[in-house]
Amino acid sequence: MLSQYIAHDLEHQLTQIAEHGFCVMDNFITQATVLALANEISSLDSASQMHEAGTGQTQITINKQLRGDSIYWLNEANSSVAQKIYLAQMELLRIALNQHLYLGLFALESHLALYQAGTGYGKHLDQFHKNNTRSSDQAVRKISCILYLNQNWTEANGGYLRLYHNQASETTDAPYVDIAPLGGRLVLFLSDTFYHEVLLTNKARASLTGWFLTRQ
């Protein structure tokens, strides 16, 4: 079942998505699971299994000036205990989103992410511009989901998520909200609507990023 906090606050959070396009949920998973997932990232990094993330629709272009994280894609078939807890929580959330907002979400893709000190991710959109020639049944990202795995994070550590309140152009000057990457905090937002960036981090910054998928 969803954590006690989320179960109690879910209707309010769903309303936030419906009205504003994003929401922030604290204590989405237990701190024990947060720590377990963070330790997995450390172990994967030590074993050189975290790989530099790419940019672009094919995700093969490495651009360190734009994006400085290393990632590890989750595979449900060989997931760890902590990953199974995360995936189970996200499945319940997917069902709730569909029941309340009729989004047609059918799957989730997720990866662990690690930003080393001195890195960030420039302003970008998670869903590529719609192409009318694409197959009608092709999966597209609908809801972006970022679960933070950091312990004792302070303002001086930086690494905030900057979420822009614009629905127009990448270059449009727009108001924004900065969200601290606190352990156990889940941020949800519409993938095709919100430009966002990861501000420069002064400390290693861990997260589990996912996208709920729908049909084109």
N, C-alpha and C. Protein backbone atom coordinates (compact mmCIF):
# COMPACT_ATOMS: atom_id res chain seq x y z
N MET A 1 0.84 -1.20 0.00
CA MET A 1 0.00 0.00 0.00
C MET A 1 0.87 1.24 0.00
N LEU A 2 0.30 2.37 -0.47
CA LEU A 2 1.03 3.62 -0.43
C LEU A 2 1.32 4.00 1.01
N SER A 3 2.44 4.72 1.23
CA SER A 3 2.79 5.13 2.57
C SER A 3 1.65 5.90 3.22
N GLN A 4 1.61 5.91 4.53
CA GLN A 4 0.50 6.54 5.26
C GLN A 4 0.35 8.01 4.86
N TYR A 5 1.47 8.71 4.69
CA TYR A 5 1.40 10.13 4.32
C TYR A 5 0.76 10.28 2.95
N ILE A 6 1.21 9.48 1.98
CA ILE A 6 0.72 9.61 0.63
C ILE A 6 -0.75 9.23 0.56
N ALA A 7 -1.14 8.13 1.24
CA ALA A 7 -2.54 7.72 1.22
C ALA A 7 -3.44 8.82 1.77
N HIS A 8 -2.98 9.49 2.83
CA HIS A 8 -3.77 10.55 3.45
C HIS A 8 -3.83 11.79 2.57
N ASP A 9 -2.76 12.08 1.85
CA ASP A 9 -2.63 13.35 1.13
C ASP A 9 -2.82 13.19 -0.38
N LEU A 10 -3.17 11.98 -0.83
CA LEU A 10 -3.17 11.71 -2.27
C LEU A 10 -4.16 12.57 -3.03
N GLU A 11 -5.36 12.72 -2.51
CA GLU A 11 -6.36 13.51 -3.23
C GLU A 11 -5.89 14.94 -3.44
N HIS A 12 -5.26 15.51 -2.42
CA HIS A 12 -4.73 16.88 -2.55
C HIS A 12 -3.64 16.93 -3.61
N GLN A 13 -2.75 15.94 -3.62
CA GLN A 13 -1.65 15.94 -4.58
C GLN A 13 -2.17 15.77 -6.00
N LEU A 14 -3.16 14.91 -6.20
CA LEU A 14 -3.74 14.74 -7.52
C LEU A 14 -4.41 16.01 -8.00
N THR A 15 -5.01 16.74 -7.07
CA THR A 15 -5.62 18.02 -7.41
C THR A 15 -4.56 19.01 -7.86
N GLN A 16 -3.38 18.98 -7.20
CA GLN A 16 -2.29 19.87 -7.58
C GLN A 16 -1.84 19.59 -9.02
N ILE A 17 -1.76 18.32 -9.40
CA ILE A 17 -1.37 17.98 -10.76
C ILE A 17 -2.43 18.45 -11.75
N ALA A 18 -3.70 18.21 -11.41
CA ALA A 18 -4.79 18.60 -12.31
C ALA A 18 -4.83 20.10 -12.52
N GLU A 19 -4.59 20.87 -11.44
CA GLU A 19 -4.72 22.32 -11.52
C GLU A 19 -3.44 23.03 -11.94
N HIS A 20 -2.29 22.50 -11.51
CA HIS A 20 -1.03 23.21 -11.74
C HIS A 20 -0.02 22.43 -12.58
N GLY A 21 -0.25 21.14 -12.79
CA GLY A 21 0.64 20.35 -13.63
C GLY A 21 1.81 19.72 -12.90
N PHE A 22 1.93 19.98 -11.59
CA PHE A 22 3.02 19.35 -10.83
C PHE A 22 2.63 19.26 -9.36
N CYS A 23 3.36 18.43 -8.63
CA CYS A 23 3.17 18.36 -7.17
C CYS A 23 4.44 17.83 -6.53
N VAL A 24 4.56 18.01 -5.23
CA VAL A 24 5.71 17.54 -4.45
C VAL A 24 5.19 16.69 -3.30
N MET A 25 5.66 15.45 -3.21
CA MET A 25 5.25 14.53 -2.15
C MET A 25 6.46 14.19 -1.29
N ASP A 26 6.43 14.54 -0.04
CA ASP A 26 7.49 14.14 0.89
C ASP A 26 7.17 12.78 1.50
N ASN A 27 8.22 12.08 1.96
CA ASN A 27 8.07 10.78 2.62
C ASN A 27 7.35 9.77 1.74
N PHE A 28 7.66 9.78 0.43
CA PHE A 28 7.00 8.85 -0.49
C PHE A 28 7.38 7.41 -0.18
N ILE A 29 8.63 7.19 0.22
CA ILE A 29 9.06 5.89 0.70
C ILE A 29 9.80 6.09 2.02
N THR A 30 10.04 5.00 2.73
CA THR A 30 10.68 5.10 4.04
C THR A 30 12.14 5.51 3.90
N GLN A 31 12.69 6.07 4.95
CA GLN A 31 14.10 6.46 4.93
C GLN A 31 15.01 5.25 4.80
N ALA A 32 14.57 4.10 5.30
CA ALA A 32 15.37 2.87 5.15
C ALA A 32 15.51 2.50 3.67
N THR A 33 14.43 2.65 2.90
CA THR A 33 14.47 2.36 1.47
C THR A 33 15.28 3.42 0.74
N VAL A 34 15.15 4.67 1.15
CA VAL A 34 15.96 5.75 0.57
C VAL A 34 17.44 5.42 0.73
N LEU A 35 17.84 5.02 1.94
CA LEU A 35 19.24 4.71 2.21
C LEU A 35 19.70 3.50 1.40
N ALA A 36 18.84 2.49 1.29
CA ALA A 36 19.20 1.29 0.53
C ALA A 36 19.44 1.63 -0.94
N LEU A 37 18.57 2.45 -1.52
CA LEU A 37 18.73 2.84 -2.91
C LEU A 37 19.98 3.71 -3.11
N ALA A 38 20.23 4.61 -2.16
CA ALA A 38 21.44 5.44 -2.24
C ALA A 38 22.69 4.58 -2.17
N ASN A 39 22.67 3.57 -1.32
CA ASN A 39 23.82 2.66 -1.21
C ASN A 39 24.01 1.86 -2.50
N GLU A 40 22.91 1.52 -3.17
CA GLU A 40 23.02 0.82 -4.45
C GLU A 40 23.73 1.69 -5.48
N ILE A 41 23.41 2.97 -5.49
CA ILE A 41 24.08 3.89 -6.43
C ILE A 41 25.57 3.94 -6.14
N SER A 42 25.93 4.02 -4.86
CA SER A 42 27.35 4.06 -4.49
C SER A 42 28.07 2.80 -4.94
N SER A 43 27.41 1.64 -4.74
CA SER A 43 28.02 0.37 -5.14
C SER A 43 28.15 0.27 -6.65
N LEU A 44 27.13 0.68 -7.38
CA LEU A 44 27.18 0.65 -8.84
C LEU A 44 28.26 1.59 -9.37
N ASP A 45 28.38 2.76 -8.74
CA ASP A 45 29.39 3.72 -9.17
C ASP A 45 30.79 3.16 -8.92
N SER A 46 30.98 2.53 -7.77
CA SER A 46 32.29 1.94 -7.45
C SER A 46 32.65 0.81 -8.41
N ALA A 47 31.62 0.12 -8.90
CA ALA A 47 31.83 -1.00 -9.83
C ALA A 47 31.81 -0.55 -11.29
N SER A 48 31.82 0.79 -11.51
CA SER A 48 31.82 1.37 -12.86
C SER A 48 30.63 0.92 -13.70
N GLN A 49 29.48 0.74 -13.04
CA GLN A 49 28.26 0.36 -13.75
C GLN A 49 27.30 1.53 -13.96
N MET A 50 27.65 2.70 -13.43
CA MET A 50 26.91 3.92 -13.74
C MET A 50 27.53 4.52 -15.00
N HIS A 51 26.70 4.82 -16.01
CA HIS A 51 27.21 5.27 -17.29
C HIS A 51 26.78 6.70 -17.58
N GLU A 52 27.66 7.46 -18.24
CA GLU A 52 27.35 8.84 -18.58
C GLU A 52 26.06 8.90 -19.39
N ALA A 53 25.17 9.81 -18.99
CA ALA A 53 23.87 9.91 -19.66
C ALA A 53 23.99 10.69 -20.95
N GLY A 54 23.19 10.30 -21.94
CA GLY A 54 23.18 10.98 -23.21
C GLY A 54 22.04 11.97 -23.32
N THR A 55 22.01 12.72 -24.39
CA THR A 55 20.94 13.68 -24.66
C THR A 55 20.42 13.45 -26.07
N GLY A 56 19.23 13.97 -26.32
CA GLY A 56 18.61 13.81 -27.62
C GLY A 56 17.65 12.64 -27.64
N GLN A 57 16.87 12.54 -28.71
CA GLN A 57 15.81 11.55 -28.79
C GLN A 57 16.35 10.12 -28.77
N THR A 58 17.55 9.92 -29.28
CA THR A 58 18.14 8.59 -29.27
C THR A 58 19.01 8.35 -28.04
N GLN A 59 19.23 9.41 -27.23
CA GLN A 59 19.98 9.30 -25.99
C GLN A 59 21.40 8.77 -26.20
N ILE A 60 22.06 9.15 -27.30
CA ILE A 60 23.40 8.64 -27.55
C ILE A 60 24.44 9.74 -27.58
N THR A 61 24.02 10.99 -27.59
CA THR A 61 24.97 12.10 -27.64
C THR A 61 25.39 12.49 -26.23
N ILE A 62 26.67 12.42 -25.95
CA ILE A 62 27.18 12.80 -24.63
C ILE A 62 27.56 14.29 -24.68
N ASN A 63 26.92 15.09 -23.86
CA ASN A 63 27.18 16.52 -23.81
C ASN A 63 27.34 16.92 -22.35
N LYS A 64 28.57 16.89 -21.85
CA LYS A 64 28.82 17.14 -20.44
C LYS A 64 28.53 18.57 -20.03
N GLN A 65 28.55 19.49 -21.00
CA GLN A 65 28.23 20.88 -20.68
C GLN A 65 26.75 21.03 -20.39
N LEU A 66 25.92 20.20 -21.02
CA LEU A 66 24.49 20.25 -20.77
C LEU A 66 24.09 19.36 -19.61
N ARG A 67 24.66 18.16 -19.58
CA ARG A 67 24.20 17.14 -18.64
C ARG A 67 25.38 16.41 -18.03
N GLY A 68 25.44 16.36 -16.67
CA GLY A 68 26.60 15.79 -16.02
C GLY A 68 26.35 14.56 -15.19
N ASP A 69 25.16 13.94 -15.32
CA ASP A 69 24.86 12.79 -14.48
C ASP A 69 25.28 11.47 -15.11
N SER A 70 25.43 10.48 -14.25
CA SER A 70 25.63 9.09 -14.68
C SER A 70 24.39 8.31 -14.26
N ILE A 71 24.00 7.31 -15.06
CA ILE A 71 22.73 6.64 -14.81
C ILE A 71 22.86 5.13 -14.88
N TYR A 72 21.85 4.46 -14.33
CA TYR A 72 21.74 3.00 -14.39
C TYR A 72 20.25 2.68 -14.53
N TRP A 73 19.87 2.09 -15.67
CA TRP A 73 18.46 1.80 -15.92
C TRP A 73 17.99 0.61 -15.09
N LEU A 74 16.82 0.73 -14.51
CA LEU A 74 16.24 -0.36 -13.74
C LEU A 74 15.64 -1.41 -14.67
N ASN A 75 15.78 -2.65 -14.26
CA ASN A 75 15.18 -3.79 -14.95
C ASN A 75 14.38 -4.58 -13.93
N GLU A 76 13.06 -4.55 -14.09
CA GLU A 76 12.20 -5.17 -13.09
C GLU A 76 12.51 -6.64 -12.89
N ALA A 77 12.99 -7.31 -13.91
CA ALA A 77 13.25 -8.74 -13.83
C ALA A 77 14.35 -9.09 -12.84
N ASN A 78 15.32 -8.18 -12.67
CA ASN A 78 16.41 -8.47 -11.73
C ASN A 78 16.55 -7.36 -10.69
N SER A 79 15.42 -6.76 -10.30
CA SER A 79 15.45 -5.64 -9.36
C SER A 79 15.75 -6.11 -7.94
N SER A 80 16.38 -5.21 -7.18
CA SER A 80 16.70 -5.48 -5.77
C SER A 80 15.45 -5.32 -4.92
N VAL A 81 15.56 -5.67 -3.65
CA VAL A 81 14.43 -5.51 -2.73
C VAL A 81 13.98 -4.05 -2.67
N ALA A 82 14.93 -3.14 -2.53
CA ALA A 82 14.60 -1.71 -2.45
C ALA A 82 13.95 -1.24 -3.74
N GLN A 83 14.46 -1.70 -4.89
CA GLN A 83 13.87 -1.32 -6.16
C GLN A 83 12.44 -1.85 -6.29
N LYS A 84 12.20 -3.06 -5.78
CA LYS A 84 10.85 -3.63 -5.83
C LYS A 84 9.88 -2.80 -4.99
N ILE A 85 10.34 -2.28 -3.86
CA ILE A 85 9.49 -1.42 -3.03
C ILE A 85 9.13 -0.16 -3.80
N TYR A 86 10.13 0.44 -4.43
CA TYR A 86 9.89 1.63 -5.25
C TYR A 86 8.90 1.34 -6.37
N LEU A 87 9.13 0.26 -7.11
CA LEU A 87 8.28 -0.08 -8.24
C LEU A 87 6.86 -0.37 -7.81
N ALA A 88 6.69 -1.02 -6.64
CA ALA A 88 5.35 -1.30 -6.13
C ALA A 88 4.61 -0.01 -5.77
N GLN A 89 5.32 0.92 -5.14
CA GLN A 89 4.72 2.22 -4.80
C GLN A 89 4.32 2.98 -6.06
N MET A 90 5.19 2.93 -7.07
CA MET A 90 4.91 3.65 -8.30
C MET A 90 3.74 3.03 -9.07
N GLU A 91 3.59 1.71 -8.98
CA GLU A 91 2.45 1.07 -9.64
C GLU A 91 1.13 1.51 -9.01
N LEU A 92 1.11 1.60 -7.68
CA LEU A 92 -0.08 2.09 -7.01
C LEU A 92 -0.36 3.55 -7.38
N LEU A 93 0.70 4.32 -7.52
CA LEU A 93 0.54 5.71 -7.91
C LEU A 93 0.01 5.81 -9.35
N ARG A 94 0.52 4.96 -10.23
CA ARG A 94 0.04 4.95 -11.62
C ARG A 94 -1.46 4.67 -11.68
N ILE A 95 -1.91 3.69 -10.91
CA ILE A 95 -3.33 3.35 -10.88
C ILE A 95 -4.16 4.53 -10.37
N ALA A 96 -3.67 5.19 -9.33
CA ALA A 96 -4.39 6.34 -8.76
C ALA A 96 -4.46 7.49 -9.76
N LEU A 97 -3.36 7.75 -10.46
CA LEU A 97 -3.35 8.82 -11.47
C LEU A 97 -4.36 8.53 -12.58
N ASN A 98 -4.41 7.28 -13.00
CA ASN A 98 -5.37 6.92 -14.05
C ASN A 98 -6.81 7.02 -13.57
N GLN A 99 -7.06 6.58 -12.34
CA GLN A 99 -8.42 6.61 -11.82
C GLN A 99 -8.94 8.03 -11.64
N HIS A 100 -8.07 8.93 -11.20
CA HIS A 100 -8.50 10.29 -10.88
C HIS A 100 -8.36 11.26 -12.04
N LEU A 101 -7.35 11.03 -12.91
CA LEU A 101 -7.06 12.02 -13.94
C LEU A 101 -7.21 11.47 -15.36
N TYR A 102 -7.51 10.17 -15.50
CA TYR A 102 -7.79 9.57 -16.81
C TYR A 102 -6.64 9.82 -17.80
N LEU A 103 -5.42 9.50 -17.36
CA LEU A 103 -4.25 9.81 -18.17
C LEU A 103 -3.84 8.68 -19.12
N GLY A 104 -4.37 7.49 -18.91
CA GLY A 104 -4.00 6.38 -19.78
C GLY A 104 -2.57 5.92 -19.61
N LEU A 105 -2.02 6.04 -18.41
CA LEU A 105 -0.65 5.62 -18.15
C LEU A 105 -0.60 4.09 -18.12
N PHE A 106 0.37 3.49 -18.82
CA PHE A 106 0.39 2.03 -18.90
C PHE A 106 1.73 1.42 -18.48
N ALA A 107 2.76 2.22 -18.31
CA ALA A 107 4.08 1.67 -17.97
C ALA A 107 4.94 2.73 -17.32
N LEU A 108 6.06 2.27 -16.76
CA LEU A 108 7.03 3.15 -16.11
C LEU A 108 8.42 2.74 -16.55
N GLU A 109 9.25 3.73 -16.90
CA GLU A 109 10.67 3.49 -17.12
C GLU A 109 11.44 4.32 -16.11
N SER A 110 12.51 3.76 -15.54
CA SER A 110 13.21 4.45 -14.44
C SER A 110 14.71 4.18 -14.50
N HIS A 111 15.48 5.15 -14.02
CA HIS A 111 16.90 4.92 -13.84
C HIS A 111 17.40 5.62 -12.58
N LEU A 112 18.40 5.01 -11.97
CA LEU A 112 19.13 5.65 -10.89
C LEU A 112 20.03 6.71 -11.50
N ALA A 113 20.25 7.81 -10.79
CA ALA A 113 21.07 8.89 -11.32
C ALA A 113 22.00 9.43 -10.24
N LEU A 114 23.21 9.75 -10.65
CA LEU A 114 24.21 10.31 -9.74
C LEU A 114 24.87 11.51 -10.40
N TYR A 115 24.76 12.66 -9.72
CA TYR A 115 25.47 13.87 -10.12
C TYR A 115 26.65 14.05 -9.16
N GLN A 116 27.85 14.05 -9.70
CA GLN A 116 29.01 14.34 -8.87
C GLN A 116 29.09 15.84 -8.61
N ALA A 117 29.81 16.23 -7.55
CA ALA A 117 29.99 17.65 -7.25
C ALA A 117 30.53 18.39 -8.47
N GLY A 118 29.95 19.57 -8.74
CA GLY A 118 30.38 20.37 -9.87
C GLY A 118 29.63 20.11 -11.15
N THR A 119 28.55 19.29 -11.08
CA THR A 119 27.77 18.99 -12.29
C THR A 119 26.32 19.44 -12.10
N GLY A 120 25.58 19.43 -13.20
CA GLY A 120 24.16 19.78 -13.21
C GLY A 120 23.54 19.31 -14.51
N TYR A 121 22.37 19.87 -14.84
CA TYR A 121 21.68 19.51 -16.08
C TYR A 121 20.96 20.76 -16.55
N GLY A 122 21.34 21.25 -17.74
CA GLY A 122 20.77 22.48 -18.27
C GLY A 122 19.28 22.40 -18.54
N LYS A 123 18.68 23.53 -18.81
CA LYS A 123 17.25 23.65 -19.02
C LYS A 123 16.80 22.76 -20.19
N HIS A 124 15.77 21.94 -19.95
CA HIS A 124 15.33 21.00 -20.97
C HIS A 124 13.89 20.57 -20.71
N LEU A 125 13.34 19.86 -21.67
CA LEU A 125 12.00 19.30 -21.58
C LEU A 125 12.12 17.78 -21.68
N ASP A 126 11.33 17.05 -20.89
CA ASP A 126 11.46 15.59 -20.88
C ASP A 126 10.75 14.90 -22.04
N GLN A 127 9.80 15.57 -22.66
CA GLN A 127 9.12 14.97 -23.80
C GLN A 127 9.49 15.74 -25.05
N PHE A 128 9.92 15.03 -26.07
CA PHE A 128 10.31 15.68 -27.31
C PHE A 128 9.08 16.22 -28.03
N HIS A 129 9.30 17.24 -28.85
CA HIS A 129 8.19 17.86 -29.55
C HIS A 129 7.42 16.82 -30.36
N LYS A 130 6.12 16.92 -30.33
CA LYS A 130 5.27 15.93 -30.98
C LYS A 130 5.53 15.89 -32.49
N ASN A 131 5.53 14.67 -32.99
CA ASN A 131 5.73 14.46 -34.43
C ASN A 131 4.50 13.72 -34.94
N ASN A 132 3.72 14.38 -35.80
CA ASN A 132 2.46 13.80 -36.24
C ASN A 132 2.63 12.57 -37.12
N THR A 133 3.86 12.30 -37.56
CA THR A 133 4.09 11.12 -38.39
C THR A 133 4.37 9.89 -37.56
N ARG A 134 4.49 10.04 -36.25
CA ARG A 134 4.79 8.91 -35.39
C ARG A 134 3.59 7.99 -35.29
N SER A 135 3.84 6.72 -35.04
CA SER A 135 2.78 5.75 -34.89
C SER A 135 1.87 6.14 -33.73
N SER A 136 0.59 5.91 -33.89
CA SER A 136 -0.38 6.31 -32.86
C SER A 136 -0.25 5.51 -31.58
N ASP A 137 0.41 4.33 -31.66
CA ASP A 137 0.53 3.52 -30.46
C ASP A 137 1.93 3.60 -29.84
N GLN A 138 2.75 4.55 -30.29
CA GLN A 138 4.09 4.69 -29.74
C GLN A 138 4.04 5.29 -28.34
N ALA A 139 4.83 4.74 -27.43
CA ALA A 139 4.84 5.23 -26.06
C ALA A 139 5.53 6.58 -25.97
N VAL A 140 4.97 7.49 -25.20
CA VAL A 140 5.58 8.79 -24.94
C VAL A 140 5.54 9.07 -23.45
N ARG A 141 6.45 9.90 -22.99
CA ARG A 141 6.51 10.26 -21.58
C ARG A 141 5.40 11.26 -21.25
N LYS A 142 4.62 10.94 -20.25
CA LYS A 142 3.51 11.81 -19.85
C LYS A 142 3.76 12.50 -18.52
N ILE A 143 4.21 11.72 -17.51
CA ILE A 143 4.48 12.26 -16.17
C ILE A 143 5.92 11.96 -15.79
N SER A 144 6.69 12.99 -15.49
CA SER A 144 8.05 12.83 -14.99
C SER A 144 8.01 12.67 -13.47
N CYS A 145 8.82 11.75 -12.95
CA CYS A 145 8.81 11.43 -11.52
C CYS A 145 10.25 11.39 -11.01
N ILE A 146 10.58 12.22 -10.06
CA ILE A 146 11.94 12.25 -9.52
C ILE A 146 11.88 11.98 -8.03
N LEU A 147 12.48 10.87 -7.60
CA LEU A 147 12.56 10.51 -6.19
C LEU A 147 13.98 10.77 -5.71
N TYR A 148 14.13 11.61 -4.70
CA TYR A 148 15.47 11.96 -4.22
C TYR A 148 15.93 11.02 -3.12
N LEU A 149 17.25 10.77 -3.10
CA LEU A 149 17.84 9.75 -2.22
C LEU A 149 18.95 10.32 -1.35
N ASN A 150 18.92 11.62 -1.10
CA ASN A 150 20.03 12.28 -0.40
C ASN A 150 19.78 12.39 1.10
N GLN A 151 20.84 12.24 1.86
CA GLN A 151 20.77 12.34 3.32
C GLN A 151 21.32 13.68 3.78
N ASN A 152 20.64 14.30 4.73
CA ASN A 152 21.13 15.53 5.38
C ASN A 152 21.49 16.62 4.37
N TRP A 153 20.61 16.82 3.40
CA TRP A 153 20.88 17.81 2.36
C TRP A 153 20.64 19.22 2.90
N THR A 154 21.55 20.15 2.58
CA THR A 154 21.42 21.53 3.04
C THR A 154 21.39 22.46 1.83
N GLU A 155 20.98 23.69 2.05
CA GLU A 155 20.92 24.67 0.96
C GLU A 155 22.29 24.88 0.33
N ALA A 156 23.34 24.83 1.16
CA ALA A 156 24.70 25.04 0.65
C ALA A 156 25.14 23.94 -0.31
N ASN A 157 24.49 22.78 -0.25
CA ASN A 157 24.85 21.69 -1.15
C ASN A 157 24.40 21.96 -2.59
N GLY A 158 23.47 22.91 -2.79
CA GLY A 158 23.00 23.21 -4.13
C GLY A 158 22.20 22.06 -4.71
N GLY A 159 22.30 21.87 -6.05
CA GLY A 159 21.65 20.75 -6.69
C GLY A 159 20.14 20.79 -6.71
N TYR A 160 19.55 21.99 -6.58
CA TYR A 160 18.10 22.10 -6.56
C TYR A 160 17.51 21.81 -7.94
N LEU A 161 16.30 21.30 -7.96
CA LEU A 161 15.53 21.21 -9.21
C LEU A 161 14.84 22.54 -9.44
N ARG A 162 15.10 23.17 -10.57
CA ARG A 162 14.42 24.41 -10.93
C ARG A 162 13.35 24.08 -11.96
N LEU A 163 12.10 24.29 -11.57
CA LEU A 163 10.95 23.95 -12.40
C LEU A 163 10.32 25.25 -12.89
N TYR A 164 10.29 25.42 -14.22
CA TYR A 164 9.80 26.66 -14.80
C TYR A 164 8.29 26.59 -15.05
N HIS A 165 7.59 27.68 -14.71
CA HIS A 165 6.14 27.73 -14.88
C HIS A 165 5.77 28.26 -16.25
N ASN A 166 6.40 27.76 -17.29
CA ASN A 166 6.03 28.20 -18.63
C ASN A 166 5.62 27.02 -19.47
N GLN A 167 4.73 27.27 -20.41
CA GLN A 167 4.25 26.21 -21.27
C GLN A 167 4.46 26.58 -22.74
N ALA A 168 5.45 27.41 -22.99
CA ALA A 168 5.63 27.91 -24.35
C ALA A 168 6.97 27.50 -24.93
N SER A 169 7.99 28.30 -24.71
CA SER A 169 9.26 28.10 -25.39
C SER A 169 10.38 27.90 -24.39
N GLU A 170 11.41 27.19 -24.84
CA GLU A 170 12.59 26.96 -24.02
C GLU A 170 13.26 28.28 -23.65
N THR A 171 13.15 29.28 -24.51
CA THR A 171 13.82 30.54 -24.28
C THR A 171 12.94 31.56 -23.58
N THR A 172 11.68 31.22 -23.33
CA THR A 172 10.78 32.16 -22.67
C THR A 172 11.21 32.40 -21.23
N ASP A 173 11.33 33.66 -20.87
CA ASP A 173 11.65 34.00 -19.50
C ASP A 173 10.40 33.76 -18.65
N ALA A 174 10.52 32.95 -17.62
CA ALA A 174 9.32 32.54 -16.88
C ALA A 174 9.61 32.43 -15.40
N PRO A 175 8.59 32.57 -14.56
CA PRO A 175 8.77 32.31 -13.14
C PRO A 175 9.15 30.85 -12.92
N TYR A 176 9.73 30.56 -11.80
CA TYR A 176 10.15 29.20 -11.50
C TYR A 176 10.06 28.94 -10.01
N VAL A 177 10.13 27.66 -9.66
CA VAL A 177 10.20 27.24 -8.26
C VAL A 177 11.43 26.35 -8.13
N ASP A 178 12.20 26.54 -7.07
CA ASP A 178 13.36 25.70 -6.78
C ASP A 178 12.98 24.68 -5.71
N ILE A 179 13.24 23.41 -5.98
CA ILE A 179 12.84 22.32 -5.10
C ILE A 179 14.08 21.60 -4.60
N ALA A 180 14.23 21.51 -3.29
CA ALA A 180 15.40 20.86 -2.69
C ALA A 180 15.31 19.34 -2.87
N PRO A 181 16.43 18.68 -3.18
CA PRO A 181 16.44 17.24 -3.41
C PRO A 181 16.55 16.44 -2.11
N LEU A 182 15.54 16.55 -1.26
CA LEU A 182 15.56 15.91 0.05
C LEU A 182 15.20 14.44 -0.05
N GLY A 183 15.89 13.61 0.70
CA GLY A 183 15.65 12.18 0.68
C GLY A 183 14.21 11.81 0.96
N GLY A 184 13.61 10.95 0.10
CA GLY A 184 12.23 10.53 0.26
C GLY A 184 11.23 11.43 -0.44
N ARG A 185 11.67 12.54 -0.99
CA ARG A 185 10.78 13.48 -1.68
C ARG A 185 10.59 13.06 -3.13
N LEU A 186 9.33 13.01 -3.57
CA LEU A 186 8.99 12.69 -4.95
C LEU A 186 8.37 13.92 -5.60
N VAL A 187 8.89 14.29 -6.76
CA VAL A 187 8.35 15.40 -7.55
C VAL A 187 7.73 14.83 -8.81
N LEU A 188 6.49 15.21 -9.09
CA LEU A 188 5.79 14.79 -10.30
C LEU A 188 5.45 16.03 -11.13
N PHE A 189 5.63 15.96 -12.45
CA PHE A 189 5.19 17.06 -13.31
C PHE A 189 4.95 16.54 -14.72
N LEU A 190 4.17 17.29 -15.48
CA LEU A 190 3.84 16.91 -16.85
C LEU A 190 5.09 17.01 -17.72
N SER A 191 5.43 15.93 -18.38
CA SER A 191 6.69 15.86 -19.12
C SER A 191 6.73 16.79 -20.31
N ASP A 192 5.58 17.07 -20.92
CA ASP A 192 5.57 17.88 -22.13
C ASP A 192 5.32 19.35 -21.86
N THR A 193 5.28 19.73 -20.58
CA THR A 193 4.87 21.09 -20.23
C THR A 193 5.96 21.89 -19.52
N PHE A 194 6.70 21.26 -18.61
CA PHE A 194 7.60 22.01 -17.74
C PHE A 194 9.06 21.87 -18.14
N TYR A 195 9.63 22.97 -18.61
CA TYR A 195 11.09 23.03 -18.72
C TYR A 195 11.67 23.04 -17.32
N HIS A 196 12.81 22.39 -17.16
CA HIS A 196 13.40 22.29 -15.83
C HIS A 196 14.91 22.09 -15.97
N GLU A 197 15.62 22.28 -14.88
CA GLU A 197 17.06 22.05 -14.86
C GLU A 197 17.50 21.64 -13.47
N VAL A 198 18.65 20.99 -13.41
CA VAL A 198 19.29 20.66 -12.14
C VAL A 198 20.41 21.68 -11.94
N LEU A 199 20.28 22.49 -10.91
CA LEU A 199 21.29 23.50 -10.63
C LEU A 199 22.58 22.83 -10.17
N LEU A 200 23.69 23.53 -10.36
CA LEU A 200 25.00 22.99 -10.01
C LEU A 200 25.00 22.44 -8.58
N THR A 201 25.45 21.23 -8.42
CA THR A 201 25.50 20.61 -7.10
C THR A 201 26.91 20.70 -6.54
N ASN A 202 27.00 20.94 -5.25
CA ASN A 202 28.30 21.03 -4.57
C ASN A 202 28.64 19.76 -3.80
N LYS A 203 27.79 18.76 -3.96
CA LYS A 203 27.95 17.49 -3.25
C LYS A 203 27.33 16.41 -4.12
N ALA A 204 27.84 15.18 -4.03
CA ALA A 204 27.26 14.09 -4.81
C ALA A 204 25.76 14.02 -4.53
N ARG A 205 24.97 13.95 -5.59
CA ARG A 205 23.51 14.06 -5.51
C ARG A 205 22.88 12.84 -6.18
N ALA A 206 22.06 12.11 -5.43
CA ALA A 206 21.49 10.86 -5.91
C ALA A 206 19.98 10.96 -6.05
N SER A 207 19.46 10.31 -7.09
CA SER A 207 18.01 10.30 -7.31
C SER A 207 17.62 9.06 -8.10
N LEU A 208 16.32 8.84 -8.16
CA LEU A 208 15.75 7.78 -8.99
C LEU A 208 14.70 8.46 -9.86
N THR A 209 15.01 8.58 -11.14
CA THR A 209 14.15 9.32 -12.06
C THR A 209 13.33 8.35 -12.91
N GLY A 210 12.04 8.63 -13.06
CA GLY A 210 11.18 7.78 -13.86
C GLY A 210 10.20 8.58 -14.69
N TRP A 211 9.58 7.89 -15.63
CA TRP A 211 8.55 8.51 -16.47
C TRP A 211 7.40 7.53 -16.64
N PHE A 212 6.19 7.98 -16.33
CA PHE A 212 5.01 7.21 -16.67
C PHE A 212 4.73 7.43 -18.15
N LEU A 213 4.44 6.34 -18.86
CA LEU A 213 4.26 6.40 -20.31
C LEU A 213 2.79 6.29 -20.70
N THR A 214 2.44 6.96 -21.79
CA THR A 214 1.12 6.83 -22.39
C THR A 214 1.30 6.61 -23.87
N ARG A 215 0.20 6.42 -24.59
CA ARG A 215 0.28 6.21 -26.03
C ARG A 215 0.22 7.54 -26.76
N GLN A 216 0.96 7.64 -27.86
CA GLN A 216 0.94 8.84 -28.69
C GLN A 216 -0.46 9.10 -29.20
